[in-house]
N, C-alpha and C. Protein backbone atom coordinates (compact mmCIF):
# COMPACT_ATOMS: atom_id res chain seq x y z
N MET A 1 20.36 -1.31 -54.86
CA MET A 1 21.17 0.07 -54.30
C MET A 1 22.77 -0.70 -53.19
N LYS A 2 23.67 0.00 -54.04
CA LYS A 2 24.65 -0.77 -53.57
C LYS A 2 25.09 0.00 -52.15
N GLU A 3 25.77 -0.98 -51.39
CA GLU A 3 26.29 -0.59 -50.13
C GLU A 3 26.81 0.72 -49.89
N GLY A 4 27.60 1.23 -50.77
CA GLY A 4 28.33 2.88 -50.07
C GLY A 4 27.91 3.66 -50.61
N GLU A 5 26.29 3.61 -51.69
CA GLU A 5 24.94 4.15 -52.02
C GLU A 5 24.20 4.40 -50.06
N LEU A 6 24.14 3.48 -50.07
CA LEU A 6 23.08 2.84 -48.66
C LEU A 6 24.05 4.26 -47.59
N ILE A 7 24.90 3.57 -47.12
CA ILE A 7 25.68 4.87 -46.18
C ILE A 7 25.94 5.90 -46.61
N PHE A 8 26.27 6.25 -47.75
CA PHE A 8 26.18 7.92 -48.22
C PHE A 8 24.80 8.46 -48.16
N ASN A 9 24.04 7.56 -48.11
CA ASN A 9 22.60 8.42 -48.16
C ASN A 9 22.27 8.44 -46.85
N SER A 10 22.81 7.52 -45.91
CA SER A 10 22.34 7.66 -44.61
C SER A 10 23.19 8.54 -43.58
N VAL A 11 24.49 9.16 -43.98
CA VAL A 11 25.25 9.98 -43.94
C VAL A 11 24.77 11.07 -44.31
N LEU A 12 24.68 11.30 -45.30
CA LEU A 12 24.11 12.95 -45.70
C LEU A 12 22.74 13.07 -45.93
N ASN A 13 21.74 12.15 -44.73
CA ASN A 13 20.91 12.53 -44.18
C ASN A 13 20.99 13.31 -42.66
N GLU A 14 22.04 12.25 -41.91
CA GLU A 14 22.58 12.76 -40.90
C GLU A 14 23.13 14.32 -40.47
N LYS A 15 24.30 14.50 -41.64
CA LYS A 15 24.83 15.21 -41.63
C LYS A 15 24.94 16.64 -42.49
N SER A 16 24.37 16.41 -43.42
CA SER A 16 24.32 17.40 -44.47
C SER A 16 23.67 18.73 -43.57
N GLY A 17 24.19 19.54 -44.30
CA GLY A 17 24.06 21.43 -43.60
C GLY A 17 24.53 21.55 -42.02
N SER A 18 25.32 20.60 -41.24
CA SER A 18 25.41 20.74 -40.00
C SER A 18 26.23 21.95 -39.77
N ASN A 19 27.65 21.62 -40.57
CA ASN A 19 28.28 22.86 -40.31
C ASN A 19 28.44 24.02 -41.49
N PHE A 20 27.76 23.43 -42.59
CA PHE A 20 28.56 24.34 -43.77
C PHE A 20 26.85 24.01 -44.61
N GLU A 21 26.83 25.41 -46.07
CA GLU A 21 25.74 24.81 -46.62
C GLU A 21 26.27 23.57 -47.52
N LYS A 22 24.91 22.73 -47.63
CA LYS A 22 24.98 21.42 -48.54
C LYS A 22 25.72 21.27 -49.63
N ASN A 23 26.21 22.89 -50.64
CA ASN A 23 26.95 22.30 -51.31
C ASN A 23 28.16 22.25 -51.01
N PHE A 24 28.15 21.90 -49.56
CA PHE A 24 29.53 21.75 -49.64
C PHE A 24 29.88 20.06 -49.44
N ASP A 25 28.60 19.61 -49.17
CA ASP A 25 28.52 18.29 -49.05
C ASP A 25 28.78 17.44 -50.10
N CYS A 26 29.88 16.40 -50.55
CA CYS A 26 30.53 15.46 -51.39
C CYS A 26 29.26 15.07 -52.18
N GLU A 27 29.53 14.47 -53.64
CA GLU A 27 28.23 13.62 -54.50
C GLU A 27 28.70 12.34 -54.08
N VAL A 28 27.31 11.41 -54.31
CA VAL A 28 27.70 10.05 -54.21
C VAL A 28 28.78 9.57 -55.18
N GLY A 29 28.88 9.98 -56.48
CA GLY A 29 29.92 8.91 -57.09
C GLY A 29 31.26 9.32 -56.48
N LEU A 30 32.01 10.17 -55.47
CA LEU A 30 32.92 10.66 -55.06
C LEU A 30 33.29 9.62 -53.72
N ALA A 31 31.85 9.62 -53.09
CA ALA A 31 31.07 8.87 -51.97
C ALA A 31 31.57 7.26 -52.13
N SER A 32 30.93 6.85 -53.01
CA SER A 32 30.60 5.08 -53.34
C SER A 32 32.07 4.53 -53.88
N PHE A 33 32.86 5.44 -54.50
CA PHE A 33 34.29 5.13 -55.10
C PHE A 33 35.06 5.33 -54.25
N LEU A 34 34.83 5.85 -52.97
CA LEU A 34 35.90 6.35 -51.98
C LEU A 34 35.91 4.89 -50.51
N PHE A 35 34.39 4.82 -50.88
CA PHE A 35 33.94 3.24 -49.82
C PHE A 35 34.71 1.69 -50.61
N ALA A 36 33.95 1.76 -51.63
CA ALA A 36 34.39 0.75 -52.54
C ALA A 36 36.16 0.60 -52.78
N PHE A 37 36.67 1.88 -53.13
CA PHE A 37 38.15 1.77 -53.42
C PHE A 37 39.04 1.74 -51.73
N ILE A 38 38.57 1.98 -50.63
CA ILE A 38 39.24 1.31 -49.04
C ILE A 38 38.81 -0.40 -48.81
N LEU A 39 37.63 -0.12 -49.08
CA LEU A 39 37.46 -1.54 -48.59
C LEU A 39 38.39 -2.82 -49.87
N ALA A 40 38.77 -2.53 -50.97
CA ALA A 40 39.36 -3.26 -51.96
C ALA A 40 40.68 -3.30 -51.85
N LYS A 41 41.43 -1.63 -51.49
CA LYS A 41 42.95 -1.68 -51.42
C LYS A 41 43.30 -1.49 -49.75
N LYS A 42 42.16 -1.39 -48.74
CA LYS A 42 42.88 -1.52 -47.61
C LYS A 42 43.92 -0.78 -47.00
N PRO A 43 43.83 0.78 -47.14
CA PRO A 43 45.00 1.67 -47.05
C PRO A 43 44.78 2.10 -45.52
N SER A 44 46.63 2.00 -45.15
CA SER A 44 46.59 2.04 -43.62
C SER A 44 46.60 3.73 -43.10
N VAL A 45 46.98 4.33 -44.56
CA VAL A 45 47.10 6.05 -44.18
C VAL A 45 46.11 6.72 -44.92
N VAL A 46 45.50 7.38 -44.57
CA VAL A 46 44.47 8.08 -45.63
C VAL A 46 44.69 9.70 -44.69
N VAL A 47 45.19 10.66 -45.76
CA VAL A 47 44.85 12.06 -45.43
C VAL A 47 43.54 12.97 -46.14
N GLU A 48 42.89 13.39 -45.56
CA GLU A 48 41.63 14.13 -45.92
C GLU A 48 42.13 15.35 -45.68
N THR A 49 42.32 16.69 -46.95
CA THR A 49 41.78 17.70 -46.50
C THR A 49 40.59 18.32 -47.13
N GLY A 50 40.01 19.16 -45.91
CA GLY A 50 38.71 19.53 -46.22
C GLY A 50 37.86 18.54 -45.22
N VAL A 51 37.33 19.56 -44.55
CA VAL A 51 35.92 18.20 -43.91
C VAL A 51 34.63 19.02 -43.88
N ALA A 52 34.26 20.15 -43.89
CA ALA A 52 33.31 20.07 -44.13
C ALA A 52 32.06 19.98 -42.93
N ASN A 53 30.74 19.55 -43.38
CA ASN A 53 30.19 18.68 -42.74
C ASN A 53 30.66 17.39 -42.90
N GLY A 54 30.89 16.59 -43.16
CA GLY A 54 31.90 15.22 -42.76
C GLY A 54 31.20 14.01 -43.05
N ILE A 55 30.71 14.69 -44.71
CA ILE A 55 29.98 13.28 -44.53
C ILE A 55 30.96 12.72 -45.94
N THR A 56 32.28 13.25 -46.46
CA THR A 56 33.51 12.12 -46.25
C THR A 56 33.76 11.56 -45.22
N THR A 57 34.18 12.48 -44.45
CA THR A 57 34.82 11.72 -43.33
C THR A 57 34.28 10.56 -42.86
N ASN A 58 33.00 10.65 -42.65
CA ASN A 58 32.11 9.70 -42.24
C ASN A 58 32.14 7.97 -42.93
N LEU A 59 31.90 8.67 -44.14
CA LEU A 59 31.71 7.67 -45.24
C LEU A 59 33.25 6.74 -44.93
N ILE A 60 34.32 7.25 -45.45
CA ILE A 60 35.59 7.21 -45.13
C ILE A 60 35.69 6.04 -43.87
N MET A 61 35.07 6.59 -42.73
CA MET A 61 35.55 6.01 -41.39
C MET A 61 34.68 4.53 -41.35
N LYS A 62 33.69 4.59 -42.28
CA LYS A 62 32.99 3.37 -41.92
C LYS A 62 33.39 2.34 -42.83
N ALA A 63 34.23 2.63 -43.75
CA ALA A 63 34.99 1.37 -44.88
C ALA A 63 36.33 1.07 -44.01
N LEU A 64 37.07 2.40 -42.89
CA LEU A 64 37.89 1.82 -42.30
C LEU A 64 37.82 1.28 -41.31
N GLU A 65 36.54 1.70 -40.70
CA GLU A 65 36.18 0.35 -39.24
C GLU A 65 36.46 -1.01 -39.82
N ARG A 66 36.27 -1.11 -40.99
CA ARG A 66 36.24 -3.04 -41.34
C ARG A 66 37.75 -3.24 -41.85
N THR A 67 38.67 -2.25 -42.06
CA THR A 67 39.71 -2.66 -42.55
C THR A 67 40.82 -2.07 -41.66
N GLY A 68 40.72 -1.09 -40.64
CA GLY A 68 41.03 -1.43 -39.57
C GLY A 68 42.69 -0.11 -40.18
N GLY A 69 42.49 0.63 -41.30
CA GLY A 69 42.86 1.88 -41.44
C GLY A 69 42.70 3.13 -40.61
N THR A 70 43.89 4.27 -40.88
CA THR A 70 43.99 5.67 -39.88
C THR A 70 43.21 6.49 -40.68
N LEU A 71 42.70 7.24 -40.36
CA LEU A 71 42.08 8.58 -41.26
C LEU A 71 42.67 9.94 -40.51
N HIS A 72 43.63 10.89 -41.19
CA HIS A 72 44.37 12.08 -40.71
C HIS A 72 42.89 13.50 -41.52
N SER A 73 42.50 13.87 -41.19
CA SER A 73 41.72 14.79 -41.66
C SER A 73 41.75 16.55 -41.25
N PHE A 74 41.88 17.10 -42.14
CA PHE A 74 42.83 18.51 -42.04
C PHE A 74 41.41 19.76 -42.44
N ASP A 75 41.58 20.69 -41.39
CA ASP A 75 40.60 21.77 -41.61
C ASP A 75 41.17 23.03 -41.48
N ILE A 76 40.52 23.92 -41.34
CA ILE A 76 41.03 25.34 -41.17
C ILE A 76 39.97 25.80 -39.89
N GLU A 77 38.65 24.86 -40.34
CA GLU A 77 37.45 25.15 -38.88
C GLU A 77 37.41 24.63 -38.39
N SER A 78 37.59 24.72 -37.09
CA SER A 78 37.44 23.56 -35.55
C SER A 78 36.01 23.15 -35.80
N LYS A 79 35.48 23.99 -35.49
CA LYS A 79 34.21 23.51 -35.88
C LYS A 79 33.65 21.93 -36.14
N THR A 80 34.66 21.51 -37.13
CA THR A 80 34.43 20.26 -37.71
C THR A 80 35.18 19.40 -36.82
N GLN A 81 35.74 19.71 -36.39
CA GLN A 81 36.50 18.87 -35.44
C GLN A 81 35.43 17.53 -34.46
N ASN A 82 34.63 17.54 -34.97
CA ASN A 82 33.29 16.91 -34.21
C ASN A 82 32.73 15.74 -35.02
N VAL A 83 33.00 16.18 -36.14
CA VAL A 83 31.81 15.84 -36.95
C VAL A 83 32.10 13.64 -37.31
N TYR A 84 32.77 12.90 -36.51
CA TYR A 84 32.66 11.75 -36.25
C TYR A 84 32.92 11.23 -34.88
N ILE A 85 31.95 10.37 -34.80
CA ILE A 85 32.08 9.75 -33.28
C ILE A 85 32.11 8.26 -33.13
N GLY A 86 32.25 7.95 -34.51
CA GLY A 86 32.44 6.34 -34.47
C GLY A 86 33.32 5.58 -33.71
N ARG A 87 34.22 4.48 -33.98
CA ARG A 87 34.58 4.12 -33.17
C ARG A 87 35.96 3.85 -33.41
N GLY A 88 36.69 3.96 -34.66
CA GLY A 88 37.53 3.86 -35.34
C GLY A 88 38.59 4.98 -35.47
N ASN A 89 39.83 5.25 -35.98
CA ASN A 89 41.18 5.66 -35.58
C ASN A 89 40.97 6.84 -36.65
N TRP A 90 40.28 7.96 -36.38
CA TRP A 90 40.22 9.20 -36.45
C TRP A 90 40.91 10.40 -35.41
N TYR A 91 41.59 11.30 -36.85
CA TYR A 91 43.01 12.13 -36.18
C TYR A 91 42.53 13.54 -36.95
N PHE A 92 41.68 14.60 -35.92
CA PHE A 92 41.50 15.44 -36.40
C PHE A 92 42.73 16.92 -36.53
N HIS A 93 43.15 17.03 -37.34
CA HIS A 93 44.17 18.47 -37.87
C HIS A 93 43.73 19.57 -37.62
N HIS A 94 43.32 20.50 -36.95
CA HIS A 94 43.07 21.90 -37.12
C HIS A 94 44.13 23.08 -37.66
N LEU A 95 44.10 23.26 -38.78
CA LEU A 95 45.73 24.07 -39.36
C LEU A 95 45.06 25.46 -39.42
N ARG A 96 46.18 26.26 -38.73
CA ARG A 96 46.06 27.56 -38.43
C ARG A 96 47.18 28.13 -38.66
N GLY A 97 47.30 29.82 -39.12
CA GLY A 97 48.95 30.40 -39.05
C GLY A 97 49.10 30.61 -41.14
N ASP A 98 50.29 29.96 -40.92
CA ASP A 98 50.44 30.09 -42.16
C ASP A 98 50.22 28.39 -42.82
N LEU A 99 48.99 27.89 -43.22
CA LEU A 99 48.22 27.38 -43.36
C LEU A 99 49.19 26.38 -44.40
N GLU A 100 50.01 26.75 -45.29
CA GLU A 100 51.23 25.72 -46.50
C GLU A 100 52.02 25.05 -44.97
N ALA A 101 52.72 25.81 -44.05
CA ALA A 101 53.91 25.62 -43.37
C ALA A 101 53.15 24.58 -42.10
N ASP A 102 51.62 25.28 -41.68
CA ASP A 102 51.32 23.81 -41.12
C ASP A 102 50.73 22.53 -41.41
N LEU A 103 50.65 22.32 -42.69
CA LEU A 103 50.08 21.59 -43.49
C LEU A 103 51.46 20.29 -43.28
N GLN A 104 52.64 21.27 -44.43
CA GLN A 104 53.97 20.22 -44.36
C GLN A 104 54.49 19.96 -43.22
N THR A 105 54.15 20.51 -41.83
CA THR A 105 54.48 19.89 -40.76
C THR A 105 53.51 19.04 -39.87
N GLN A 106 52.76 19.01 -40.16
CA GLN A 106 51.71 18.07 -39.81
C GLN A 106 51.70 16.14 -40.35
N ILE A 107 51.58 16.89 -41.82
CA ILE A 107 51.68 15.65 -42.82
C ILE A 107 53.42 14.75 -42.25
N ASN A 108 54.47 15.82 -42.58
CA ASN A 108 55.59 15.63 -42.15
C ASN A 108 55.60 14.40 -40.51
N GLN A 109 55.02 14.54 -39.94
CA GLN A 109 54.90 14.23 -38.74
C GLN A 109 54.06 12.75 -38.78
N ILE A 110 53.31 12.84 -39.76
CA ILE A 110 52.26 11.63 -40.09
C ILE A 110 53.35 10.22 -40.92
N GLY A 111 54.09 10.56 -41.64
CA GLY A 111 54.71 9.74 -42.38
C GLY A 111 54.18 9.22 -43.73
N PRO A 112 54.64 8.23 -44.33
CA PRO A 112 53.89 7.82 -45.67
C PRO A 112 52.53 7.74 -45.77
N VAL A 113 51.99 7.89 -46.74
CA VAL A 113 50.10 7.73 -46.93
C VAL A 113 49.63 7.02 -48.03
N ASP A 114 48.66 6.58 -47.56
CA ASP A 114 48.64 5.61 -49.00
C ASP A 114 47.65 5.91 -50.18
N LEU A 115 46.62 6.92 -49.24
CA LEU A 115 45.55 7.56 -50.16
C LEU A 115 45.27 9.06 -49.47
N TRP A 116 45.63 9.68 -50.52
CA TRP A 116 45.27 11.24 -50.34
C TRP A 116 44.10 11.98 -51.09
N ILE A 117 43.32 12.63 -50.22
CA ILE A 117 41.60 12.85 -50.75
C ILE A 117 41.82 14.47 -50.65
N HIS A 118 41.84 14.84 -52.24
CA HIS A 118 41.79 16.53 -51.21
C HIS A 118 40.51 17.13 -52.04
N ASP A 119 39.91 17.82 -50.73
CA ASP A 119 38.53 18.39 -51.04
C ASP A 119 39.25 19.62 -50.56
N SER A 120 39.55 20.33 -50.20
CA SER A 120 39.86 21.48 -49.74
C SER A 120 39.85 22.69 -51.04
N ASN A 121 40.11 23.66 -50.26
CA ASN A 121 40.83 25.05 -50.97
C ASN A 121 40.84 24.55 -52.61
N HIS A 122 39.64 24.96 -53.39
CA HIS A 122 39.58 24.47 -54.89
C HIS A 122 40.85 25.47 -55.86
N GLY A 123 41.54 26.48 -55.50
CA GLY A 123 42.10 27.31 -56.03
C GLY A 123 43.52 26.69 -56.62
N TYR A 124 43.49 27.22 -57.77
CA TYR A 124 45.22 26.69 -58.53
C TYR A 124 46.07 26.96 -57.86
N ARG A 125 46.24 27.99 -56.87
CA ARG A 125 47.69 27.75 -55.77
C ARG A 125 47.55 26.71 -54.79
N TRP A 126 46.64 26.55 -54.37
CA TRP A 126 46.31 25.40 -53.01
C TRP A 126 46.58 24.16 -53.89
N GLN A 127 45.81 23.55 -54.50
CA GLN A 127 45.81 22.85 -55.56
C GLN A 127 47.08 21.99 -55.60
N THR A 128 47.76 22.76 -56.15
CA THR A 128 49.42 22.87 -57.07
C THR A 128 50.13 22.02 -55.70
N PHE A 129 50.36 23.41 -54.45
CA PHE A 129 50.81 23.20 -52.97
C PHE A 129 50.41 21.78 -52.89
N GLU A 130 49.37 21.60 -52.83
CA GLU A 130 48.87 20.21 -52.30
C GLU A 130 49.06 18.91 -52.71
N TYR A 131 48.71 18.96 -54.02
CA TYR A 131 49.36 17.88 -55.27
C TYR A 131 50.88 17.40 -54.82
N LEU A 132 51.75 18.41 -55.14
CA LEU A 132 53.08 18.26 -54.49
C LEU A 132 53.63 17.82 -52.93
N LEU A 133 52.61 17.93 -52.58
CA LEU A 133 53.45 17.55 -50.85
C LEU A 133 52.66 16.25 -51.15
N ALA A 134 51.60 15.91 -51.63
CA ALA A 134 50.82 14.18 -51.50
C ALA A 134 52.02 13.85 -52.12
N ALA A 135 52.33 14.10 -53.31
CA ALA A 135 53.84 13.56 -54.55
C ALA A 135 54.68 12.96 -53.69
N ARG A 136 55.01 13.64 -52.28
CA ARG A 136 55.97 13.50 -51.72
C ARG A 136 55.66 12.63 -50.36
N VAL A 137 54.92 12.32 -50.47
CA VAL A 137 54.33 10.99 -48.98
C VAL A 137 53.55 10.41 -49.35
N LEU A 138 52.99 10.01 -50.78
CA LEU A 138 52.19 8.88 -51.07
C LEU A 138 53.47 7.76 -50.94
N THR A 139 53.01 6.79 -51.19
CA THR A 139 53.59 5.60 -51.16
C THR A 139 53.81 4.77 -52.18
N ALA A 140 54.51 3.74 -52.90
CA ALA A 140 54.66 4.15 -54.34
C ALA A 140 53.74 3.53 -55.27
N ASP A 141 52.63 2.92 -54.31
CA ASP A 141 51.39 2.56 -54.53
C ASP A 141 50.06 3.00 -54.30
N GLY A 142 50.93 4.15 -53.71
CA GLY A 142 49.40 5.29 -53.09
C GLY A 142 48.78 5.93 -54.34
N THR A 143 47.78 6.62 -54.02
CA THR A 143 46.67 6.72 -54.56
C THR A 143 46.09 8.38 -54.30
N LEU A 144 46.15 9.50 -55.38
CA LEU A 144 45.80 10.57 -54.44
C LEU A 144 44.38 10.94 -55.88
N VAL A 145 43.37 11.38 -55.05
CA VAL A 145 41.38 11.83 -55.28
C VAL A 145 41.71 13.04 -55.22
N SER A 146 40.84 13.80 -55.90
CA SER A 146 41.05 14.99 -55.78
C SER A 146 39.50 15.42 -56.34
N ASP A 147 38.40 15.97 -55.63
CA ASP A 147 37.12 16.49 -55.57
C ASP A 147 37.31 18.07 -56.24
N ASP A 148 36.63 18.13 -57.74
CA ASP A 148 36.11 19.18 -57.90
C ASP A 148 37.49 19.64 -58.80
N ILE A 149 38.32 18.88 -59.84
CA ILE A 149 39.30 18.78 -60.42
C ILE A 149 39.17 19.78 -61.69
N ASP A 150 37.89 20.46 -61.96
CA ASP A 150 37.59 21.13 -63.09
C ASP A 150 37.39 23.04 -62.13
N SER A 151 38.12 23.22 -61.27
CA SER A 151 38.25 24.64 -60.27
C SER A 151 39.01 24.96 -61.10
N SER A 152 40.41 24.45 -61.52
CA SER A 152 41.22 25.06 -61.60
C SER A 152 41.99 24.45 -62.77
N THR A 153 43.36 24.65 -63.60
CA THR A 153 44.27 23.70 -64.53
C THR A 153 45.23 23.04 -63.76
N ALA A 154 45.12 23.38 -62.20
CA ALA A 154 46.57 22.65 -61.13
C ALA A 154 46.24 20.33 -62.01
N TRP A 155 44.81 20.19 -61.44
CA TRP A 155 45.13 18.68 -62.32
C TRP A 155 45.80 18.38 -63.33
N GLY A 156 44.90 19.18 -64.50
CA GLY A 156 45.77 18.83 -65.78
C GLY A 156 47.19 19.39 -65.80
N LEU A 157 47.68 20.37 -65.66
CA LEU A 157 49.15 20.47 -65.29
C LEU A 157 50.14 19.28 -64.47
N ALA A 158 49.18 19.09 -63.48
CA ALA A 158 49.74 18.01 -62.44
C ALA A 158 50.22 16.69 -63.17
N SER A 159 49.09 16.52 -64.28
CA SER A 159 49.12 15.15 -64.72
C SER A 159 49.84 14.93 -65.70
N GLU A 160 50.60 16.70 -66.50
CA GLU A 160 51.75 16.37 -67.42
C GLU A 160 53.44 16.10 -66.36
N HIS A 161 53.00 16.54 -64.96
CA HIS A 161 53.98 16.42 -64.50
C HIS A 161 54.53 15.06 -63.17
N ILE A 162 53.54 15.70 -62.51
CA ILE A 162 53.83 14.92 -61.39
C ILE A 162 52.86 13.64 -61.11
N LEU A 163 51.65 13.25 -62.42
CA LEU A 163 50.87 12.75 -62.28
C LEU A 163 51.00 11.19 -62.93
N ASP A 164 50.67 9.93 -62.81
CA ASP A 164 50.73 9.02 -64.03
C ASP A 164 49.28 8.07 -63.26
N TYR A 165 48.55 7.57 -64.51
CA TYR A 165 47.46 6.76 -64.81
C TYR A 165 46.09 7.71 -64.24
N SER A 166 46.54 8.84 -64.69
CA SER A 166 45.13 10.00 -64.15
C SER A 166 43.95 9.67 -64.93
N SER A 167 43.28 10.03 -63.92
CA SER A 167 41.53 10.00 -64.55
C SER A 167 40.86 10.78 -63.91
N ALA A 168 39.97 11.65 -64.91
CA ALA A 168 38.88 12.32 -64.40
C ALA A 168 37.61 11.20 -64.06
N ILE A 169 36.58 11.62 -63.68
CA ILE A 169 35.30 10.54 -63.49
C ILE A 169 34.12 12.46 -63.31
N PHE A 170 33.14 12.23 -64.25
CA PHE A 170 32.19 13.09 -63.52
C PHE A 170 31.34 12.65 -62.68
N ASP A 171 30.72 13.58 -61.30
CA ASP A 171 30.16 13.07 -60.65
C ASP A 171 28.53 14.11 -60.50
N ASN A 172 27.97 14.16 -61.29
CA ASN A 172 26.92 14.67 -61.43
C ASN A 172 27.12 16.37 -61.75
N ARG A 173 27.84 17.16 -60.86
CA ARG A 173 27.80 18.44 -61.65
C ARG A 173 29.49 18.47 -61.24
N LYS A 174 30.18 17.89 -60.92
CA LYS A 174 31.54 17.98 -61.18
C LYS A 174 33.02 16.96 -61.43
N PHE A 175 33.50 17.19 -61.55
CA PHE A 175 34.87 16.08 -62.09
C PHE A 175 35.46 15.91 -60.91
N ILE A 176 35.90 14.66 -60.69
CA ILE A 176 36.71 13.79 -59.62
C ILE A 176 37.79 13.28 -60.48
N GLY A 177 39.28 13.80 -59.64
CA GLY A 177 40.30 13.09 -60.38
C GLY A 177 41.09 12.20 -59.82
N VAL A 178 41.13 10.94 -60.41
CA VAL A 178 42.25 9.78 -59.66
C VAL A 178 43.68 9.59 -60.22
N ALA A 179 44.61 9.62 -59.17
CA ALA A 179 46.08 8.93 -59.83
C ALA A 179 47.12 8.58 -59.08
N ARG A 180 47.97 7.74 -59.86
CA ARG A 180 48.82 7.20 -59.41
C ARG A 180 49.83 8.76 -59.29
N ILE A 181 51.22 8.37 -58.70
CA ILE A 181 51.73 9.70 -58.63
C ILE A 181 52.99 8.87 -59.55
N LYS A 182 53.95 9.67 -60.72
CA LYS A 182 54.99 9.32 -61.07
C LYS A 182 55.95 9.09 -60.21
N SER A 183 57.14 7.32 -60.83
CA SER A 183 58.02 7.51 -59.65
C SER A 183 59.21 7.92 -60.40
């Protein structure tokens, strides 16, 4: 078994169902991809939207603990603020009120982002908003990853207009999108 899968299984056993039902957990494909991608690309600043049980958060942080990067995780639920207790550079951002305005304001304070991982509201409107926001702040060689791209048509439409090198990966029961932003 590969290291990313081993870490995923360990985190899954520890965290699954801790805040939300298990169906909110990421799957092994996304987890393994993110772990390997972060070790290979060594992003300095990573944004994750949607924390839930913290499976992805902890896996990302296991990789960032090695590479020295920083993770900024955003969620509307304050109970997700303690999902990671390791030694890495993790910042939890609780979104409140006007969620779009709050996310934009907090992202503007972070600055350029190397890797953006969408795993929050999978409705068309929010996905579109988030992809456009990511496109604005991602570095020239930055990458957008989106879980559950099959939940709406937002990924497909974004692929026509703002995404470059867009790919879809099947992960057991859903699709993950990986793309660069058009320059």
